[in-house]
């Protein structure tokens, strides 16, 4: 049980470092009340995680975990490729 907890915590924590969400929170807390920004961001991330958890638990009843892993990996690669293509197509500022 604790292994699942710490693995999930570590993966989500590392994935969130330096992403757009963290930069948005940083910018908002510089101009607004930091505690209010913290509470709003914790609630938003909690709701997003809740929805993902519910969707994952529903999907696992109908689709094998192996297929979900492969589909997740493929989506990760597709999103990465789309971001790379858009980065090279966007003219430098």
PDB file of N, CA and C in Angstrom:
ATOM      1  N   UNK A   1       0.824  -1.197   0.000  1.00  0.00           N
ATOM      2  CA  UNK A   1       0.000   0.000   0.000  1.00  0.00           C
ATOM      3  C   UNK A   1       0.868   1.262   0.000  1.00  0.00           C
ATOM      4  N   UNK A   2       1.853   1.321   0.911  1.00  0.00           N
ATOM      5  CA  UNK A   2       2.681   2.517   0.992  1.00  0.00           C
ATOM      6  C   UNK A   2       3.568   2.662  -0.233  1.00  0.00           C
ATOM      7  N   UNK A   3       3.949   1.534  -0.837  1.00  0.00           N
ATOM      8  CA  UNK A   3       4.754   1.613  -2.052  1.00  0.00           C
ATOM      9  C   UNK A   3       3.958   2.308  -3.161  1.00  0.00           C
ATOM     10  N   UNK A   4       2.682   1.959  -3.294  1.00  0.00           N
ATOM     11  CA  UNK A   4       1.823   2.605  -4.283  1.00  0.00           C
ATOM     12  C   UNK A   4       1.697   4.089  -3.989  1.00  0.00           C
ATOM     13  N   UNK A   5       1.507   4.426  -2.713  1.00  0.00           N
ATOM     14  CA  UNK A   5       1.382   5.828  -2.318  1.00  0.00           C
ATOM     15  C   UNK A   5       2.617   6.625  -2.702  1.00  0.00           C
ATOM     16  N   UNK A   6       3.791   6.151  -2.283  1.00  0.00           N
ATOM     17  CA  UNK A   6       5.020   6.910  -2.520  1.00  0.00           C
ATOM     18  C   UNK A   6       5.424   6.924  -3.995  1.00  0.00           C
ATOM     19  N   UNK A   7       5.157   5.847  -4.711  1.00  0.00           N
ATOM     20  CA  UNK A   7       5.451   5.837  -6.149  1.00  0.00           C
ATOM     21  C   UNK A   7       4.581   6.860  -6.872  1.00  0.00           C
ATOM     22  N   UNK A   8       3.283   6.867  -6.554  1.00  0.00           N
ATOM     23  CA  UNK A   8       2.369   7.823  -7.176  1.00  0.00           C
ATOM     24  C   UNK A   8       2.744   9.249  -6.803  1.00  0.00           C
ATOM     25  N   UNK A   9       3.009   9.482  -5.532  1.00  0.00           N
ATOM     26  CA  UNK A   9       3.407  10.818  -5.078  1.00  0.00           C
ATOM     27  C   UNK A   9       4.650  11.292  -5.826  1.00  0.00           C
ATOM     28  N   UNK A  10       5.657  10.447  -5.898  1.00  0.00           N
ATOM     29  CA  UNK A  10       6.917  10.816  -6.546  1.00  0.00           C
ATOM     30  C   UNK A  10       6.721  11.123  -8.025  1.00  0.00           C
ATOM     31  N   UNK A  11       5.975  10.272  -8.718  1.00  0.00           N
ATOM     32  CA  UNK A  11       5.761  10.473 -10.145  1.00  0.00           C
ATOM     33  C   UNK A  11       4.991  11.757 -10.425  1.00  0.00           C
ATOM     34  N   UNK A  12       3.931  12.003  -9.667  1.00  0.00           N
ATOM     35  CA  UNK A  12       3.138  13.218  -9.883  1.00  0.00           C
ATOM     36  C   UNK A  12       3.947  14.452  -9.495  1.00  0.00           C
ATOM     37  N   UNK A  13       4.662  14.378  -8.394  1.00  0.00           N
ATOM     38  CA  UNK A  13       5.481  15.508  -7.957  1.00  0.00           C
ATOM     39  C   UNK A  13       6.521  15.866  -9.008  1.00  0.00           C
ATOM     40  N   UNK A  14       7.242  14.872  -9.506  1.00  0.00           N
ATOM     41  CA  UNK A  14       8.264  15.131 -10.516  1.00  0.00           C
ATOM     42  C   UNK A  14       7.658  15.611 -11.827  1.00  0.00           C
ATOM     43  N   UNK A  15       6.498  15.070 -12.193  1.00  0.00           N
ATOM     44  CA  UNK A  15       5.845  15.482 -13.437  1.00  0.00           C
ATOM     45  C   UNK A  15       5.379  16.934 -13.369  1.00  0.00           C
ATOM     46  N   UNK A  16       5.020  17.401 -12.187  1.00  0.00           N
ATOM     47  CA  UNK A  16       4.508  18.761 -12.034  1.00  0.00           C
ATOM     48  C   UNK A  16       5.607  19.809 -11.916  1.00  0.00           C
ATOM     49  N   UNK A  17       6.832  19.397 -11.606  1.00  0.00           N
ATOM     50  CA  UNK A  17       7.916  20.372 -11.442  1.00  0.00           C
ATOM     51  C   UNK A  17       8.179  21.096 -12.753  1.00  0.00           C
ATOM     52  N   UNK A  18       8.103  22.403 -12.722  1.00  0.00           N
ATOM     53  CA  UNK A  18       8.437  23.214 -13.880  1.00  0.00           C
ATOM     54  C   UNK A  18       7.422  23.208 -15.006  1.00  0.00           C
ATOM     55  N   UNK A  19       6.241  22.637 -14.785  1.00  0.00           N
ATOM     56  CA  UNK A  19       5.249  22.638 -15.864  1.00  0.00           C
ATOM     57  C   UNK A  19       4.426  23.931 -15.818  1.00  0.00           C
ATOM     58  N   UNK A  20       3.501  24.045 -16.758  1.00  0.00           N
ATOM     59  CA  UNK A  20       2.700  25.272 -16.859  1.00  0.00           C
ATOM     60  C   UNK A  20       1.879  25.527 -15.599  1.00  0.00           C
ATOM     61  N   UNK A  21       1.411  24.465 -14.967  1.00  0.00           N
ATOM     62  CA  UNK A  21       0.625  24.631 -13.738  1.00  0.00           C
ATOM     63  C   UNK A  21       1.455  25.302 -12.657  1.00  0.00           C
ATOM     64  N   UNK A  22       2.657  24.820 -12.458  1.00  0.00           N
ATOM     65  CA  UNK A  22       3.508  25.387 -11.413  1.00  0.00           C
ATOM     66  C   UNK A  22       3.876  26.842 -11.732  1.00  0.00           C
ATOM     67  N   UNK A  23       4.147  27.120 -12.992  1.00  0.00           N
ATOM     68  CA  UNK A  23       4.481  28.495 -13.370  1.00  0.00           C
ATOM     69  C   UNK A  23       3.282  29.435 -13.190  1.00  0.00           C
ATOM     70  N   UNK A  24       2.084  28.931 -13.466  1.00  0.00           N
ATOM     71  CA  UNK A  24       0.876  29.728 -13.265  1.00  0.00           C
ATOM     72  C   UNK A  24       0.674  30.039 -11.782  1.00  0.00           C
ATOM     73  N   UNK A  25       0.864  29.031 -10.936  1.00  0.00           N
ATOM     74  CA  UNK A  25       0.723  29.236  -9.489  1.00  0.00           C
ATOM     75  C   UNK A  25       1.774  30.229  -8.995  1.00  0.00           C
ATOM     76  N   UNK A  26       2.985  30.112  -9.503  1.00  0.00           N
ATOM     77  CA  UNK A  26       4.050  31.026  -9.113  1.00  0.00           C
ATOM     78  C   UNK A  26       3.687  32.468  -9.475  1.00  0.00           C
ATOM     79  N   UNK A  27       3.200  32.659 -10.694  1.00  0.00           N
ATOM     80  CA  UNK A  27       2.837  34.006 -11.144  1.00  0.00           C
ATOM     81  C   UNK A  27       1.654  34.563 -10.352  1.00  0.00           C
ATOM     82  N   UNK A  28       0.639  33.727 -10.124  1.00  0.00           N
ATOM     83  CA  UNK A  28      -0.541  34.193  -9.379  1.00  0.00           C
ATOM     84  C   UNK A  28      -0.192  34.543  -7.938  1.00  0.00           C
ATOM     85  N   UNK A  29       0.656  33.744  -7.313  1.00  0.00           N
ATOM     86  CA  UNK A  29       0.987  34.016  -5.914  1.00  0.00           C
ATOM     87  C   UNK A  29       1.883  35.239  -5.771  1.00  0.00           C
ATOM     88  N   UNK A  30       2.511  35.651  -6.857  1.00  0.00           N
ATOM     89  CA  UNK A  30       3.316  36.871  -6.813  1.00  0.00           C
ATOM     90  C   UNK A  30       2.440  38.114  -6.869  1.00  0.00           C
ATOM     91  N   UNK A  31       1.229  37.983  -7.412  1.00  0.00           N
ATOM     92  CA  UNK A  31       0.350  39.150  -7.562  1.00  0.00           C
ATOM     93  C   UNK A  31      -0.887  39.102  -6.675  1.00  0.00           C
ATOM     94  N   UNK A  32      -1.202  37.933  -6.133  1.00  0.00           N
ATOM     95  CA  UNK A  32      -2.396  37.783  -5.294  1.00  0.00           C
ATOM     96  C   UNK A  32      -2.015  37.193  -3.952  1.00  0.00           C
ATOM     97  N   UNK A  33      -3.019  36.922  -3.131  1.00  0.00           N
ATOM     98  CA  UNK A  33      -2.787  36.346  -1.810  1.00  0.00           C
ATOM     99  C   UNK A  33      -2.295  34.900  -1.961  1.00  0.00           C
ATOM    100  N   UNK A  34      -1.061  34.619  -1.503  1.00  0.00           N
ATOM    101  CA  UNK A  34      -0.476  33.293  -1.705  1.00  0.00           C
ATOM    102  C   UNK A  34      -1.310  32.152  -1.124  1.00  0.00           C
ATOM    103  N   UNK A  35      -1.908  32.337   0.051  1.00  0.00           N
ATOM    104  CA  UNK A  35      -2.690  31.246   0.658  1.00  0.00           C
ATOM    105  C   UNK A  35      -3.942  30.940  -0.159  1.00  0.00           C
ATOM    106  N   UNK A  36      -4.543  31.971  -0.724  1.00  0.00           N
ATOM    107  CA  UNK A  36      -5.719  31.770  -1.562  1.00  0.00           C
ATOM    108  C   UNK A  36      -5.340  31.028  -2.854  1.00  0.00           C
ATOM    109  N   UNK A  37      -4.204  31.415  -3.429  1.00  0.00           N
ATOM    110  CA  UNK A  37      -3.710  30.735  -4.634  1.00  0.00           C
ATOM    111  C   UNK A  37      -3.376  29.280  -4.307  1.00  0.00           C
ATOM    112  N   UNK A  38      -2.738  29.031  -3.160  1.00  0.00           N
ATOM    113  CA  UNK A  38      -2.406  27.667  -2.748  1.00  0.00           C
ATOM    114  C   UNK A  38      -3.672  26.820  -2.611  1.00  0.00           C
ATOM    115  N   UNK A  39      -4.661  27.332  -1.912  1.00  0.00           N
ATOM    116  CA  UNK A  39      -5.908  26.581  -1.708  1.00  0.00           C
ATOM    117  C   UNK A  39      -6.606  26.285  -3.039  1.00  0.00           C
ATOM    118  N   UNK A  40      -6.652  27.274  -3.918  1.00  0.00           N
ATOM    119  CA  UNK A  40      -7.300  27.078  -5.218  1.00  0.00           C
ATOM    120  C   UNK A  40      -6.545  26.052  -6.060  1.00  0.00           C
ATOM    121  N   UNK A  41      -5.221  26.115  -6.063  1.00  0.00           N
ATOM    122  CA  UNK A  41      -4.447  25.175  -6.879  1.00  0.00           C
ATOM    123  C   UNK A  41      -4.511  23.761  -6.313  1.00  0.00           C
ATOM    124  N   UNK A  42      -4.496  23.613  -4.991  1.00  0.00           N
ATOM    125  CA  UNK A  42      -4.629  22.286  -4.379  1.00  0.00           C
ATOM    126  C   UNK A  42      -5.996  21.694  -4.714  1.00  0.00           C
ATOM    127  N   UNK A  43      -7.041  22.503  -4.637  1.00  0.00           N
ATOM    128  CA  UNK A  43      -8.378  22.022  -4.968  1.00  0.00           C
ATOM    129  C   UNK A  43      -8.462  21.627  -6.442  1.00  0.00           C
ATOM    130  N   UNK A  44      -7.911  22.458  -7.327  1.00  0.00           N
ATOM    131  CA  UNK A  44      -7.968  22.159  -8.762  1.00  0.00           C
ATOM    132  C   UNK A  44      -7.220  20.864  -9.087  1.00  0.00           C
ATOM    133  N   UNK A  45      -6.017  20.704  -8.548  1.00  0.00           N
ATOM    134  CA  UNK A  45      -5.258  19.484  -8.806  1.00  0.00           C
ATOM    135  C   UNK A  45      -5.925  18.260  -8.174  1.00  0.00           C
ATOM    136  N   UNK A  46      -6.562  18.452  -7.023  1.00  0.00           N
ATOM    137  CA  UNK A  46      -7.264  17.339  -6.378  1.00  0.00           C
ATOM    138  C   UNK A  46      -8.461  16.884  -7.201  1.00  0.00           C
ATOM    139  N   UNK A  47      -9.209  17.834  -7.741  1.00  0.00           N
ATOM    140  CA  UNK A  47     -10.367  17.486  -8.573  1.00  0.00           C
ATOM    141  C   UNK A  47      -9.900  16.788  -9.855  1.00  0.00           C
ATOM    142  N   UNK A  48      -8.828  17.285 -10.464  1.00  0.00           N
ATOM    143  CA  UNK A  48      -8.292  16.646 -11.672  1.00  0.00           C
ATOM    144  C   UNK A  48      -7.821  15.224 -11.372  1.00  0.00           C
ATOM    145  N   UNK A  49      -7.149  15.041 -10.233  1.00  0.00           N
ATOM    146  CA  UNK A  49      -6.686  13.705  -9.846  1.00  0.00           C
ATOM    147  C   UNK A  49      -7.873  12.792  -9.527  1.00  0.00           C
ATOM    148  N   UNK A  50      -8.912  13.333  -8.898  1.00  0.00           N
ATOM    149  CA  UNK A  50     -10.111  12.554  -8.605  1.00  0.00           C
ATOM    150  C   UNK A  50     -10.765  12.056  -9.891  1.00  0.00           C
ATOM    151  N   UNK A  51     -10.908  12.951 -10.864  1.00  0.00           N
ATOM    152  CA  UNK A  51     -11.515  12.558 -12.140  1.00  0.00           C
ATOM    153  C   UNK A  51     -10.672  11.494 -12.845  1.00  0.00           C
ATOM    154  N   UNK A  52      -9.346  11.659 -12.837  1.00  0.00           N
ATOM    155  CA  UNK A  52      -8.465  10.678 -13.467  1.00  0.00           C
ATOM    156  C   UNK A  52      -8.544   9.332 -12.756  1.00  0.00           C
ATOM    157  N   UNK A  53      -8.634   9.350 -11.434  1.00  0.00           N
ATOM    158  CA  UNK A  53      -8.732   8.117 -10.661  1.00  0.00           C
ATOM    159  C   UNK A  53     -10.042   7.396 -10.943  1.00  0.00           C
ATOM    160  N   UNK A  54     -11.129   8.135 -10.990  1.00  0.00           N
ATOM    161  CA  UNK A  54     -12.429   7.533 -11.293  1.00  0.00           C
ATOM    162  C   UNK A  54     -12.422   6.941 -12.702  1.00  0.00           C
ATOM    163  N   UNK A  55     -11.913   7.711 -13.661  1.00  0.00           N
ATOM    164  CA  UNK A  55     -11.855   7.211 -15.034  1.00  0.00           C
ATOM    165  C   UNK A  55     -10.976   5.967 -15.127  1.00  0.00           C
ATOM    166  N   UNK A  56      -9.846   5.978 -14.468  1.00  0.00           N
ATOM    167  CA  UNK A  56      -8.956   4.820 -14.474  1.00  0.00           C
ATOM    168  C   UNK A  56      -9.590   3.591 -13.864  1.00  0.00           C
ATOM    169  N   UNK A  57     -10.307   3.769 -12.762  1.00  0.00           N
ATOM    170  CA  UNK A  57     -10.937   2.616 -12.119  1.00  0.00           C
ATOM    171  C   UNK A  57     -12.094   2.068 -12.948  1.00  0.00           C
ATOM    172  N   UNK A  58     -12.781   2.943 -13.677  1.00  0.00           N
ATOM    173  CA  UNK A  58     -13.861   2.473 -14.556  1.00  0.00           C
ATOM    174  C   UNK A  58     -13.271   1.753 -15.769  1.00  0.00           C
ATOM    175  N   UNK A  59     -12.237   2.343 -16.365  1.00  0.00           N
ATOM    176  CA  UNK A  59     -11.629   1.738 -17.548  1.00  0.00           C
ATOM    177  C   UNK A  59     -11.044   0.364 -17.257  1.00  0.00           C
ATOM    178  N   UNK A  60     -10.444   0.179 -16.081  1.00  0.00           N
ATOM    179  CA  UNK A  60      -9.820  -1.107 -15.769  1.00  0.00           C
ATOM    180  C   UNK A  60     -10.829  -2.240 -15.653  1.00  0.00           C
ATOM    181  N   UNK A  61     -12.097  -1.904 -15.484  1.00  0.00           N
ATOM    182  CA  UNK A  61     -13.131  -2.943 -15.433  1.00  0.00           C
ATOM    183  C   UNK A  61     -13.445  -3.480 -16.822  1.00  0.00           C
ATOM    184  N   UNK A  62     -13.184  -2.671 -17.852  1.00  0.00           N
ATOM    185  CA  UNK A  62     -13.543  -3.041 -19.214  1.00  0.00           C
ATOM    186  C   UNK A  62     -12.341  -3.308 -20.121  1.00  0.00           C
ATOM    187  N   UNK A  63     -11.179  -2.777 -19.748  1.00  0.00           N
ATOM    188  CA  UNK A  63      -9.987  -2.911 -20.572  1.00  0.00           C
ATOM    189  C   UNK A  63      -8.855  -3.449 -19.706  1.00  0.00           C
ATOM    190  N   UNK A  64      -8.051  -4.355 -20.250  1.00  0.00           N
ATOM    191  CA  UNK A  64      -6.961  -4.947 -19.471  1.00  0.00           C
ATOM    192  C   UNK A  64      -5.902  -3.890 -19.143  1.00  0.00           C
ATOM    193  N   UNK A  65      -5.242  -4.040 -17.996  1.00  0.00           N
ATOM    194  CA  UNK A  65      -4.202  -3.078 -17.602  1.00  0.00           C
ATOM    195  C   UNK A  65      -3.087  -2.966 -18.651  1.00  0.00           C
ATOM    196  N   UNK A  66      -2.757  -4.064 -19.313  1.00  0.00           N
ATOM    197  CA  UNK A  66      -1.698  -4.039 -20.335  1.00  0.00           C
ATOM    198  C   UNK A  66      -2.091  -3.114 -21.491  1.00  0.00           C
ATOM    199  N   UNK A  67      -3.325  -3.201 -21.942  1.00  0.00           N
ATOM    200  CA  UNK A  67      -3.793  -2.345 -23.027  1.00  0.00           C
ATOM    201  C   UNK A  67      -3.795  -0.887 -22.580  1.00  0.00           C
ATOM    202  N   UNK A  68      -4.209  -0.635 -21.347  1.00  0.00           N
ATOM    203  CA  UNK A  68      -4.190   0.735 -20.825  1.00  0.00           C
ATOM    204  C   UNK A  68      -2.768   1.287 -20.776  1.00  0.00           C
ATOM    205  N   UNK A  69      -1.799   0.458 -20.370  1.00  0.00           N
ATOM    206  CA  UNK A  69      -0.407   0.897 -20.320  1.00  0.00           C
ATOM    207  C   UNK A  69       0.108   1.219 -21.719  1.00  0.00           C
ATOM    208  N   UNK A  70      -0.173   0.350 -22.668  1.00  0.00           N
ATOM    209  CA  UNK A  70       0.284   0.572 -24.044  1.00  0.00           C
ATOM    210  C   UNK A  70      -0.381   1.826 -24.618  1.00  0.00           C
ATOM    211  N   UNK A  71      -1.689   1.967 -24.410  1.00  0.00           N
ATOM    212  CA  UNK A  71      -2.408   3.142 -24.916  1.00  0.00           C
ATOM    213  C   UNK A  71      -1.866   4.420 -24.275  1.00  0.00           C
ATOM    214  N   UNK A  72      -1.596   4.382 -22.973  1.00  0.00           N
ATOM    215  CA  UNK A  72      -1.025   5.550 -22.291  1.00  0.00           C
ATOM    216  C   UNK A  72       0.349   5.898 -22.846  1.00  0.00           C
ATOM    217  N   UNK A  73       1.177   4.891 -23.093  1.00  0.00           N
ATOM    218  CA  UNK A  73       2.500   5.117 -23.668  1.00  0.00           C
ATOM    219  C   UNK A  73       2.417   5.712 -25.064  1.00  0.00           C
ATOM    220  N   UNK A  74       1.501   5.185 -25.867  1.00  0.00           N
ATOM    221  CA  UNK A  74       1.318   5.711 -27.225  1.00  0.00           C
ATOM    222  C   UNK A  74       0.843   7.161 -27.176  1.00  0.00           C
ATOM    223  N   UNK A  75      -0.125   7.454 -26.312  1.00  0.00           N
ATOM    224  CA  UNK A  75      -0.600   8.839 -26.188  1.00  0.00           C
ATOM    225  C   UNK A  75       0.514   9.775 -25.733  1.00  0.00           C
ATOM    226  N   UNK A  76       1.343   9.308 -24.806  1.00  0.00           N
ATOM    227  CA  UNK A  76       2.469  10.107 -24.332  1.00  0.00           C
ATOM    228  C   UNK A  76       3.400  10.436 -25.495  1.00  0.00           C
ATOM    229  N   UNK A  77       3.711   9.440 -26.318  1.00  0.00           N
ATOM    230  CA  UNK A  77       4.588   9.653 -27.475  1.00  0.00           C
ATOM    231  C   UNK A  77       3.945  10.586 -28.503  1.00  0.00           C
ATOM    232  N   UNK A  78       2.642  10.411 -28.745  1.00  0.00           N
ATOM    233  CA  UNK A  78       1.941  11.268 -29.706  1.00  0.00           C
ATOM    234  C   UNK A  78       1.947  12.718 -29.236  1.00  0.00           C
ATOM    235  N   UNK A  79       1.622  12.950 -27.956  1.00  0.00           N
ATOM    236  CA  UNK A  79       1.623  14.317 -27.439  1.00  0.00           C
ATOM    237  C   UNK A  79       3.021  14.926 -27.515  1.00  0.00           C
ATOM    238  N   UNK A  80       4.040  14.135 -27.200  1.00  0.00           N
ATOM    239  CA  UNK A  80       5.415  14.625 -27.294  1.00  0.00           C
ATOM    240  C   UNK A  80       5.782  14.991 -28.722  1.00  0.00           C
ATOM    241  N   UNK A  81       5.387  14.151 -29.682  1.00  0.00           N
ATOM    242  CA  UNK A  81       5.674  14.425 -31.090  1.00  0.00           C
ATOM    243  C   UNK A  81       4.959  15.692 -31.562  1.00  0.00           C
ATOM    244  N   UNK A  82       3.711  15.854 -31.152  1.00  0.00           N
ATOM    245  CA  UNK A  82       2.955  17.051 -31.531  1.00  0.00           C
ATOM    246  C   UNK A  82       3.627  18.300 -30.965  1.00  0.00           C
ATOM    247  N   UNK A  83       4.089  18.231 -29.722  1.00  0.00           N
ATOM    248  CA  UNK A  83       4.764  19.379 -29.117  1.00  0.00           C
ATOM    249  C   UNK A  83       6.074  19.693 -29.834  1.00  0.00           C
ATOM    250  N   UNK A  84       6.830  18.648 -30.215  1.00  0.00           N
ATOM    251  CA  UNK A  84       8.079  18.875 -30.942  1.00  0.00           C
ATOM    252  C   UNK A  84       7.827  19.507 -32.301  1.00  0.00           C
ATOM    253  N   UNK A  85       6.843  18.992 -33.024  1.00  0.00           N
ATOM    254  CA  UNK A  85       6.522  19.531 -34.341  1.00  0.00           C
ATOM    255  C   UNK A  85       6.093  20.990 -34.216  1.00  0.00           C
ATOM    256  N   UNK A  86       5.237  21.280 -33.250  1.00  0.00           N
ATOM    257  CA  UNK A  86       4.772  22.673 -33.093  1.00  0.00           C
ATOM    258  C   UNK A  86       5.904  23.585 -32.666  1.00  0.00           C
ATOM    259  N   UNK A  87       6.856  23.074 -31.898  1.00  0.00           N
ATOM    260  CA  UNK A  87       8.000  23.898 -31.474  1.00  0.00           C
ATOM    261  C   UNK A  87       8.881  24.265 -32.662  1.00  0.00           C
ATOM    262  N   UNK A  88       9.059  23.336 -33.596  1.00  0.00           N
ATOM    263  CA  UNK A  88       9.887  23.616 -34.754  1.00  0.00           C
ATOM    264  C   UNK A  88       9.161  24.446 -35.814  1.00  0.00           C
ATOM    265  N   UNK A  89       7.838  24.399 -35.813  1.00  0.00           N
ATOM    266  CA  UNK A  89       7.060  25.190 -36.785  1.00  0.00           C
ATOM    267  C   UNK A  89       6.867  26.627 -36.339  1.00  0.00           C
ATOM    268  N   UNK A  90       6.931  26.866 -35.038  1.00  0.00           N
ATOM    269  CA  UNK A  90       6.734  28.214 -34.503  1.00  0.00           C
ATOM    270  C   UNK A  90       8.001  29.030 -34.717  1.00  0.00           C
ATOM    271  N   UNK A  91       7.885  30.189 -35.363  1.00  0.00           N
ATOM    272  CA  UNK A  91       9.080  31.010 -35.575  1.00  0.00           C
ATOM    273  C   UNK A  91       9.614  31.550 -34.247  1.00  0.00           C
ATOM    274  N   UNK A  92      10.920  31.646 -34.159  1.00  0.00           N
ATOM    275  CA  UNK A  92      11.552  32.158 -32.932  1.00  0.00           C
ATOM    276  C   UNK A  92      11.200  33.628 -32.751  1.00  0.00           C
ATOM    277  N   UNK A  93      10.991  34.015 -31.509  1.00  0.00           N
ATOM    278  CA  UNK A  93      10.615  35.412 -31.218  1.00  0.00           C
ATOM    279  C   UNK A  93      11.822  36.302 -31.141  1.00  0.00           C
TER     280      UNK A  93
END
